[in-house]
C-alpha atoms as a PDB file:
ATOM      1  CA  MET A   1     126.607  89.188  61.653  1.00  0.00           C
ATOM      2  CA  PRO A   2     126.769  87.615  65.225  1.00  0.00           C
ATOM      3  CA  ARG A   3     130.076  86.075  66.041  1.00  0.00           C
ATOM      4  CA  GLN A   4     131.003  83.478  68.473  1.00  0.00           C
ATOM      5  CA  LYS A   5     132.768  85.228  71.388  1.00  0.00           C
ATOM      6  CA  ASP A   6     136.449  84.553  71.906  1.00  0.00           C
ATOM      7  CA  ILE A   7     136.696  85.839  75.618  1.00  0.00           C
ATOM      8  CA  LEU A   8     134.054  84.657  78.123  1.00  0.00           C
ATOM      9  CA  THR A   9     132.963  85.958  81.567  1.00  0.00           C
ATOM     10  CA  THR A  10     132.771  83.307  84.583  1.00  0.00           C
ATOM     11  CA  GLY A  11     129.080  83.748  84.345  1.00  0.00           C
ATOM     12  CA  GLU A  12     129.101  82.631  80.683  1.00  0.00           C
ATOM     13  CA  VAL A  13     131.382  79.818  81.494  1.00  0.00           C
ATOM     14  CA  ALA A  14     129.110  78.738  84.212  1.00  0.00           C
ATOM     15  CA  LYS A  15     126.122  78.588  81.874  1.00  0.00           C
ATOM     16  CA  ILE A  16     128.050  76.675  79.408  1.00  0.00           C
ATOM     17  CA  CYS A  17     129.491  74.125  81.970  1.00  0.00           C
ATOM     18  CA  ASN A  18     126.127  73.981  83.762  1.00  0.00           C
ATOM     19  CA  VAL A  19     127.791  74.949  87.087  1.00  0.00           C
ATOM     20  CA  ALA A  20     127.650  77.892  89.611  1.00  0.00           C
ATOM     21  CA  PRO A  21     129.704  80.880  88.714  1.00  0.00           C
ATOM     22  CA  ARG A  22     131.581  80.258  92.103  1.00  0.00           C
ATOM     23  CA  THR A  23     132.713  76.855  90.769  1.00  0.00           C
ATOM     24  CA  VAL A  24     134.396  78.554  87.681  1.00  0.00           C
ATOM     25  CA  SER A  25     136.076  81.010  89.984  1.00  0.00           C
ATOM     26  CA  LYS A  26     137.569  78.215  91.927  1.00  0.00           C
ATOM     27  CA  TRP A  27     138.623  76.478  88.694  1.00  0.00           C
ATOM     28  CA  PHE A  28     140.359  79.857  87.617  1.00  0.00           C
ATOM     29  CA  ASP A  29     141.807  80.476  91.133  1.00  0.00           C
ATOM     30  CA  SER A  30     143.428  76.899  91.379  1.00  0.00           C
ATOM     31  CA  GLY A  31     144.955  77.352  87.929  1.00  0.00           C
ATOM     32  CA  GLN A  32     142.893  74.585  86.359  1.00  0.00           C
ATOM     33  CA  LEU A  33     141.317  76.959  83.974  1.00  0.00           C
ATOM     34  CA  ARG A  34     143.574  79.419  82.144  1.00  0.00           C
ATOM     35  CA  GLY A  35     142.596  83.084  81.715  1.00  0.00           C
ATOM     36  CA  TYR A  36     143.219  86.475  83.082  1.00  0.00           C
ATOM     37  CA  ARG A  37     141.945  89.233  85.310  1.00  0.00           C
ATOM     38  CA  ILE A  38     140.866  92.628  84.245  1.00  0.00           C
ATOM     39  CA  PRO A  39     143.301  95.166  85.467  1.00  0.00           C
ATOM     40  CA  GLY A  40     142.200  96.930  88.428  1.00  0.00           C
ATOM     41  CA  SER A  41     139.381  94.559  88.959  1.00  0.00           C
ATOM     42  CA  LYS A  42     138.674  91.016  90.294  1.00  0.00           C
ATOM     43  CA  ASP A  43     136.788  90.174  87.134  1.00  0.00           C
ATOM     44  CA  ARG A  44     138.129  87.082  85.289  1.00  0.00           C
ATOM     45  CA  ARG A  45     138.093  86.578  81.667  1.00  0.00           C
ATOM     46  CA  ILE A  46     138.383  82.958  79.939  1.00  0.00           C
ATOM     47  CA  PRO A  47     139.523  82.521  76.339  1.00  0.00           C
ATOM     48  CA  LEU A  48     137.310  80.256  74.389  1.00  0.00           C
ATOM     49  CA  ASN A  49     140.274  77.867  73.255  1.00  0.00           C
ATOM     50  CA  ALA A  50     141.263  77.552  77.040  1.00  0.00           C
ATOM     51  CA  LEU A  51     137.611  76.729  77.985  1.00  0.00           C
ATOM     52  CA  ILE A  52     137.421  74.015  75.189  1.00  0.00           C
ATOM     53  CA  ARG A  53     140.784  72.404  76.386  1.00  0.00           C
ATOM     54  CA  PHE A  54     139.608  72.330  79.943  1.00  0.00           C
ATOM     55  CA  MET A  55     136.058  70.871  79.003  1.00  0.00           C
ATOM     56  CA  LYS A  56     137.825  68.120  76.890  1.00  0.00           C
ATOM     57  CA  ALA A  57     140.326  67.384  79.736  1.00  0.00           C
ATOM     58  CA  HIS A  58     137.658  67.083  82.300  1.00  0.00           C
ATOM     59  CA  ASN A  59     134.916  65.295  80.052  1.00  0.00           C
ATOM     60  CA  ILE A  60     132.642  68.195  80.362  1.00  0.00           C
ATOM     61  CA  PRO A  61     130.148  67.863  77.189  1.00  0.00           C
ATOM     62  CA  LEU A  62     130.870  70.576  74.648  1.00  0.00           C
ATOM     63  CA  ASP A  63     127.193  70.986  73.545  1.00  0.00           C
ATOM     64  CA  GLY A  64     126.864  74.137  75.715  1.00  0.00           C
ATOM     65  CA  LEU A  65     129.100  75.866  73.263  1.00  0.00           C
ATOM     66  CA  GLN A  66     126.738  75.505  70.467  1.00  0.00           C
ATOM     67  CA  SER A  67     124.260  78.421  70.689  1.00  0.00           C
ATOM     68  CA  GLY A  68     122.271  80.309  68.083  1.00  0.00           C
ATOM     69  CA  ARG A  69     121.828  79.370  64.479  1.00  0.00           C
ATOM     70  CA  THR A  70     124.099  76.585  62.984  1.00  0.00           C
ATOM     71  CA  ARG A  71     127.058  78.149  61.007  1.00  0.00           C
ATOM     72  CA  VAL A  72     127.893  76.426  57.877  1.00  0.00           C
ATOM     73  CA  LEU A  73     130.774  77.214  55.369  1.00  0.00           C
ATOM     74  CA  ILE A  74     130.435  75.889  51.918  1.00  0.00           C
ATOM     75  CA  VAL A  75     133.794  75.401  50.106  1.00  0.00           C
ATOM     76  CA  ASP A  76     133.521  74.470  46.469  1.00  0.00           C
ATOM     77  CA  ASP A  77     134.982  76.005  43.363  1.00  0.00           C
ATOM     78  CA  GLU A  78     131.813  74.854  41.218  1.00  0.00           C
ATOM     79  CA  SER A  79     129.595  78.043  41.469  1.00  0.00           C
ATOM     80  CA  GLU A  80     126.422  76.300  40.795  1.00  0.00           C
ATOM     81  CA  ILE A  81     126.604  73.874  43.647  1.00  0.00           C
ATOM     82  CA  VAL A  82     127.605  76.686  46.063  1.00  0.00           C
ATOM     83  CA  GLU A  83     124.595  78.897  44.865  1.00  0.00           C
ATOM     84  CA  VAL A  84     122.134  76.213  45.335  1.00  0.00           C
ATOM     85  CA  LEU A  85     123.508  74.888  48.637  1.00  0.00           C
ATOM     86  CA  GLU A  86     123.540  78.368  49.964  1.00  0.00           C
ATOM     87  CA  LYS A  87     120.035  79.309  49.066  1.00  0.00           C
ATOM     88  CA  VAL A  88     118.596  76.120  50.399  1.00  0.00           C
ATOM     89  CA  LEU A  89     120.592  75.752  53.504  1.00  0.00           C
ATOM     90  CA  SER A  90     119.938  79.438  54.585  1.00  0.00           C
ATOM     91  CA  GLU A  91     116.151  79.534  53.469  1.00  0.00           C
ATOM     92  CA  GLN A  92     114.906  75.969  54.213  1.00  0.00           C
ATOM     93  CA  ALA A  93     117.201  74.879  57.084  1.00  0.00           C
ATOM     94  CA  ASN A  94     117.759  78.377  58.517  1.00  0.00           C
ATOM     95  CA  TYR A  95     121.453  78.009  58.744  1.00  0.00           C
ATOM     96  CA  GLU A  96     123.789  81.055  58.814  1.00  0.00           C
ATOM     97  CA  VAL A  97     125.826  80.234  55.582  1.00  0.00           C
ATOM     98  CA  HIS A  98     129.236  81.478  54.156  1.00  0.00           C
ATOM     99  CA  THR A  99     131.000  80.513  51.188  1.00  0.00           C
ATOM    100  CA  ALA A 100     134.433  80.192  49.651  1.00  0.00           C
ATOM    101  CA  HIS A 101     135.533  79.021  46.419  1.00  0.00           C
ATOM    102  CA  SER A 102     139.360  78.116  47.149  1.00  0.00           C
ATOM    103  CA  GLY A 103     141.290  76.494  50.066  1.00  0.00           C
ATOM    104  CA  PHE A 104     142.893  79.813  50.742  1.00  0.00           C
ATOM    105  CA  SER A 105     139.733  81.721  51.164  1.00  0.00           C
ATOM    106  CA  ALA A 106     138.276  78.778  53.253  1.00  0.00           C
ATOM    107  CA  GLY A 107     141.171  79.445  55.627  1.00  0.00           C
ATOM    108  CA  VAL A 108     140.414  83.106  55.847  1.00  0.00           C
ATOM    109  CA  GLU A 109     136.529  82.366  56.229  1.00  0.00           C
ATOM    110  CA  CYS A 110     137.235  79.888  58.995  1.00  0.00           C
ATOM    111  CA  GLU A 111     139.176  82.356  61.007  1.00  0.00           C
ATOM    112  CA  LYS A 112     136.413  85.033  60.632  1.00  0.00           C
ATOM    113  CA  PHE A 113     133.260  82.948  60.693  1.00  0.00           C
ATOM    114  CA  ARG A 114     134.076  80.080  62.894  1.00  0.00           C
ATOM    115  CA  PRO A 115     131.717  77.482  61.210  1.00  0.00           C
ATOM    116  CA  HIS A 116     130.137  74.671  63.210  1.00  0.00           C
ATOM    117  CA  VAL A 117     130.293  72.845  59.911  1.00  0.00           C
ATOM    118  CA  LEU A 118     132.533  72.923  56.836  1.00  0.00           C
ATOM    119  CA  LEU A 119     131.222  71.371  53.669  1.00  0.00           C
ATOM    120  CA  LEU A 120     134.556  70.834  51.955  1.00  0.00           C
ATOM    121  CA  ASP A 121     135.037  69.843  48.141  1.00  0.00           C
ATOM    122  CA  MET A 122     137.802  67.393  48.158  1.00  0.00           C
ATOM    123  CA  HIS A 123     139.118  68.576  44.655  1.00  0.00           C
ATOM    124  CA  LEU A 124     139.742  72.208  44.926  1.00  0.00           C
ATOM    125  CA  GLY A 125     141.880  73.945  42.370  1.00  0.00           C
ATOM    126  CA  ASP A 126     144.524  75.391  44.713  1.00  0.00           C
ATOM    127  CA  VAL A 127     144.743  72.805  47.649  1.00  0.00           C
ATOM    128  CA  ASN A 128     143.850  69.414  48.528  1.00  0.00           C
ATOM    129  CA  GLY A 129     140.852  68.956  50.957  1.00  0.00           C
ATOM    130  CA  GLN A 130     143.045  66.797  53.271  1.00  0.00           C
ATOM    131  CA  ASN A 131     145.365  69.893  53.842  1.00  0.00           C
ATOM    132  CA  VAL A 132     142.215  72.092  54.637  1.00  0.00           C
ATOM    133  CA  LEU A 133     141.184  69.386  57.280  1.00  0.00           C
ATOM    134  CA  LYS A 134     144.670  69.464  58.791  1.00  0.00           C
ATOM    135  CA  LEU A 135     144.692  73.326  59.084  1.00  0.00           C
ATOM    136  CA  VAL A 136     141.072  73.178  60.805  1.00  0.00           C
ATOM    137  CA  ARG A 137     142.165  70.460  63.145  1.00  0.00           C
ATOM    138  CA  ASP A 138     145.297  72.324  64.101  1.00  0.00           C
ATOM    139  CA  ASN A 139     143.715  75.429  64.979  1.00  0.00           C
ATOM    140  CA  ASN A 140     142.482  75.664  68.668  1.00  0.00           C
ATOM    141  CA  ASP A 141     139.792  78.061  67.849  1.00  0.00           C
ATOM    142  CA  LEU A 142     138.313  75.574  65.455  1.00  0.00           C
ATOM    143  CA  GLN A 143     138.240  72.601  67.662  1.00  0.00           C
ATOM    144  CA  LEU A 144     134.448  72.168  67.346  1.00  0.00           C
ATOM    145  CA  THR A 145     134.243  72.398  63.614  1.00  0.00           C
ATOM    146  CA  LYS A 146     132.846  69.427  61.986  1.00  0.00           C
ATOM    147  CA  VAL A 147     134.249  68.719  58.483  1.00  0.00           C
ATOM    148  CA  ILE A 148     132.231  66.995  55.800  1.00  0.00           C
ATOM    149  CA  ALA A 149     133.780  65.931  52.670  1.00  0.00           C
ATOM    150  CA  MET A 150     132.177  66.324  49.202  1.00  0.00           C
ATOM    151  CA  SER A 151     133.350  64.754  46.146  1.00  0.00           C
ATOM    152  CA  GLY A 152     131.933  63.155  42.917  1.00  0.00           C
ATOM    153  CA  LYS A 153     134.836  60.606  42.563  1.00  0.00           C
ATOM    154  CA  LEU A 154     134.381  58.820  45.960  1.00  0.00           C
ATOM    155  CA  THR A 155     134.318  54.999  46.083  1.00  0.00           C
ATOM    156  CA  ASP A 156     132.904  53.402  49.268  1.00  0.00           C
ATOM    157  CA  GLY A 157     136.470  52.679  50.429  1.00  0.00           C
ATOM    158  CA  GLN A 158     137.661  55.882  49.872  1.00  0.00           C
ATOM    159  CA  ALA A 159     134.720  57.352  51.837  1.00  0.00           C
ATOM    160  CA  GLN A 160     135.510  55.101  54.793  1.00  0.00           C
ATOM    161  CA  HIS A 161     139.139  56.039  54.546  1.00  0.00           C
ATOM    162  CA  LEU A 162     138.190  59.828  54.894  1.00  0.00           C
ATOM    163  CA  LEU A 163     136.186  59.054  58.064  1.00  0.00           C
ATOM    164  CA  GLN A 164     139.372  57.155  59.442  1.00  0.00           C
ATOM    165  CA  ASN A 165     141.450  60.111  58.643  1.00  0.00           C
ATOM    166  CA  GLY A 166     139.497  62.669  60.648  1.00  0.00           C
ATOM    167  CA  PHE A 167     136.411  63.775  58.503  1.00  0.00           C
ATOM    168  CA  ASP A 168     133.181  63.698  60.387  1.00  0.00           C
ATOM    169  CA  GLY A 169     131.045  62.691  57.254  1.00  0.00           C
ATOM    170  CA  TYR A 170     131.019  62.695  53.557  1.00  0.00           C
ATOM    171  CA  LEU A 171     128.660  63.358  50.650  1.00  0.00           C
ATOM    172  CA  LYS A 172     128.926  61.737  47.236  1.00  0.00           C
ATOM    173  CA  LYS A 173     128.044  64.181  44.415  1.00  0.00           C
ATOM    174  CA  PRO A 174     125.443  64.424  42.984  1.00  0.00           C
ATOM    175  CA  PHE A 175     123.341  64.532  46.170  1.00  0.00           C
ATOM    176  CA  HIS A 176     120.022  65.608  47.189  1.00  0.00           C
ATOM    177  CA  VAL A 177     119.802  68.665  49.412  1.00  0.00           C
ATOM    178  CA  ARG A 178     118.064  66.553  52.067  1.00  0.00           C
ATOM    179  CA  GLN A 179     121.134  64.477  52.269  1.00  0.00           C
ATOM    180  CA  VAL A 180     123.293  67.619  52.986  1.00  0.00           C
ATOM    181  CA  ILE A 181     120.903  68.672  55.799  1.00  0.00           C
ATOM    182  CA  GLU A 182     120.888  65.192  57.352  1.00  0.00           C
ATOM    183  CA  SER A 183     124.876  65.243  57.234  1.00  0.00           C
ATOM    184  CA  ILE A 184     124.965  68.595  58.890  1.00  0.00           C
ATOM    185  CA  GLU A 185     122.497  67.534  61.469  1.00  0.00           C
ATOM    186  CA  ASP A 186     124.358  64.016  62.139  1.00  0.00           C
ATOM    187  CA  ALA A 187     127.624  66.066  62.469  1.00  0.00           C
ATOM    188  CA  THR A 188     126.331  68.614  64.876  1.00  0.00           C
ATOM    189  CA  ALA A 189     124.213  66.026  67.062  1.00  0.00           C
ATOM    190  CA  VAL A 190     125.516  65.403  70.498  1.00  0.00           C
ATOM    191  CA  VAL A 191     124.589  61.908  71.491  1.00  0.00           C
ATOM    192  CA  TYR A 192     124.863  60.654  75.202  1.00  0.00           C
END
């Protein structure tokens, strides 16, 4: 399973930021971009979370970080929903899909899988969806993860409240698979 790299070279950072490698070296040497040097070498390495902070602070678009297939984590304790979504999203939309059936396993999967999108059931047996959102938002390594709430009990007012409180979208159950794909595309789209 390909995994997003946690440590980047100056050349990789240059591609992501659409600048020359020498520019990245200047950012590093001036202390603007945090990282470290390889012992016994002049090579520099930049942790992904330091790069994300730097890009946000300097209004550099984050779209260069999204590479490869879109990674989607489905978190729901209803097995039938998870199975159908996993099959359709991986086969029809060509997403890389992982699943979790509890808030605890969602946290573990987020750490390992680093999803671009988290489809999160709001009514898990072990934890509230709002708590999972807070864990994602507080984790520097998951700053790019978009969180879409799923619930069969949402009123329009509650849905708007979710958006105001940090969710990137919502789906009311029952939903069509096309709605799920559109929600993922909307959440991951970068608009200028």
